[in-house]
Every structure is written in structure tokens, then in C-alpha cells.
Protein backbone atom coordinates (compact mmCIF):
# COMPACT_ATOMS: atom_id res chain seq x y z
CA MET A 1 -13.33 17.74 -3.30
CA GLN A 2 -16.43 17.02 -1.21
CA LYS A 3 -18.12 14.43 -3.43
CA ASP A 4 -16.65 11.54 -1.40
CA ASN A 5 -17.69 13.10 1.92
CA PRO A 6 -21.01 11.50 2.97
CA LEU A 7 -21.71 14.43 5.32
CA HIS A 8 -21.33 17.10 2.64
CA GLY A 9 -24.52 19.16 2.48
CA VAL A 10 -26.17 17.33 5.40
CA THR A 11 -27.12 19.50 8.35
CA LEU A 12 -26.71 18.40 11.94
CA GLU A 13 -30.47 18.69 12.37
CA THR A 14 -31.00 16.27 9.48
CA ILE A 15 -28.48 13.86 10.98
CA VAL A 16 -30.16 13.85 14.39
CA THR A 17 -33.65 13.62 12.91
CA GLU A 18 -32.77 10.68 10.68
CA LEU A 19 -30.98 8.85 13.48
CA VAL A 20 -33.99 9.28 15.77
CA ALA A 21 -36.30 8.04 13.02
CA HIS A 22 -34.05 5.02 12.47
CA PHE A 23 -33.13 4.07 16.06
CA GLY A 24 -35.54 6.01 18.29
CA TRP A 25 -34.30 8.00 21.27
CA GLY A 26 -33.72 4.87 23.36
CA GLY A 27 -31.73 3.13 20.65
CA LEU A 28 -29.71 6.25 20.03
CA ALA A 29 -28.98 6.60 23.76
CA ASN A 30 -27.83 2.97 23.87
CA ARG A 31 -25.39 3.57 21.01
CA ILE A 32 -24.10 6.97 22.20
CA ASN A 33 -24.22 7.47 25.95
CA ILE A 34 -24.97 11.16 26.34
CA ASN A 35 -27.66 12.74 28.51
CA CYS A 36 -29.30 14.75 25.74
CA PHE A 37 -30.44 11.40 24.26
CA ARG A 38 -31.44 9.88 27.63
CA SER A 39 -33.04 12.58 29.75
CA ASP A 40 -36.06 14.34 28.20
CA PRO A 41 -34.65 14.13 24.65
CA SER A 42 -35.54 16.55 21.89
CA VAL A 43 -33.95 17.54 18.62
CA LYS A 44 -33.50 21.12 19.87
CA SER A 45 -31.68 20.16 23.09
CA SER A 46 -29.55 17.62 21.24
CA LEU A 47 -28.50 20.19 18.63
CA LYS A 48 -27.57 22.68 21.33
CA PHE A 49 -25.36 20.12 23.09
CA LEU A 50 -23.81 18.68 19.92
CA ARG A 51 -22.88 22.11 18.56
CA LYS A 52 -20.91 22.81 21.75
CA THR A 53 -19.35 19.36 22.22
CA ALA A 54 -17.04 18.23 19.43
CA TRP A 55 -16.45 14.66 20.67
CA ALA A 56 -20.18 13.96 20.90
CA ARG A 57 -20.85 15.46 17.48
CA GLU A 58 -18.11 13.27 15.98
CA LYS A 59 -19.74 10.16 17.46
CA VAL A 60 -23.15 11.17 16.10
CA GLU A 61 -21.72 11.90 12.66
CA GLN A 62 -19.87 8.58 12.61
CA LEU A 63 -23.02 6.68 13.56
CA TYR A 64 -24.90 8.50 10.81
CA VAL A 65 -22.27 7.60 8.23
CA THR A 66 -22.21 3.93 9.18
CA ALA A 67 -25.95 3.47 9.73
CA ILE A 68 -27.70 5.85 7.35
CA ALA A 69 -25.45 7.42 4.72
CA SER A 70 -23.79 4.17 3.67
CA LYS A 71 -27.19 2.54 3.05
CA THR A 72 -28.40 5.56 1.10
CA SER A 73 -25.34 5.61 -1.17
CA GLN A 74 -25.62 1.84 -1.78
CA SER A 75 -29.24 2.18 -2.86
CA LYS A 76 -28.24 4.77 -5.49
CA ILE A 77 -25.86 2.35 -7.21
């Protein structure tokens, strides 16, 4: 059932870490306007906020799917 889900088996920490590596904190803050990416950003503070805030987590997951996961799955073909 989960084989078509690009987030299956990917932790939130991995998602945030890969997005930061790809965009940087500034680029991530420009794409998703939340304070945990703008003001003294860290993976730990971002995870704490995203675990409590469903709408922000959905935005982060969607950005990951469109920017990272889709490229990874295309390179496997």
C-alpha cells in the first residue's frame, strides 16, 4: 500500500536535513514562511515546531516531495 507514497520510511528529521542541505535555511525560509526557519534556525527547533503544527509539517512534506523525492525517484528509473 505504501510503495507509491514518497514519504514512506522517511523521518521528519531526514526531510528537514535534506531540505536544508538543498535550499539552505534562507532558501527554506523564503519558500515556507515560518519563524523556526528564519530566527536562529536549527534542526532541533524546527522538528519541535513541525511535530506540533500540522499545517507547517504538511508544507514541509510537500516541498520535500516536489523538490527532493521526485528527483530521487526519477534518478532510479
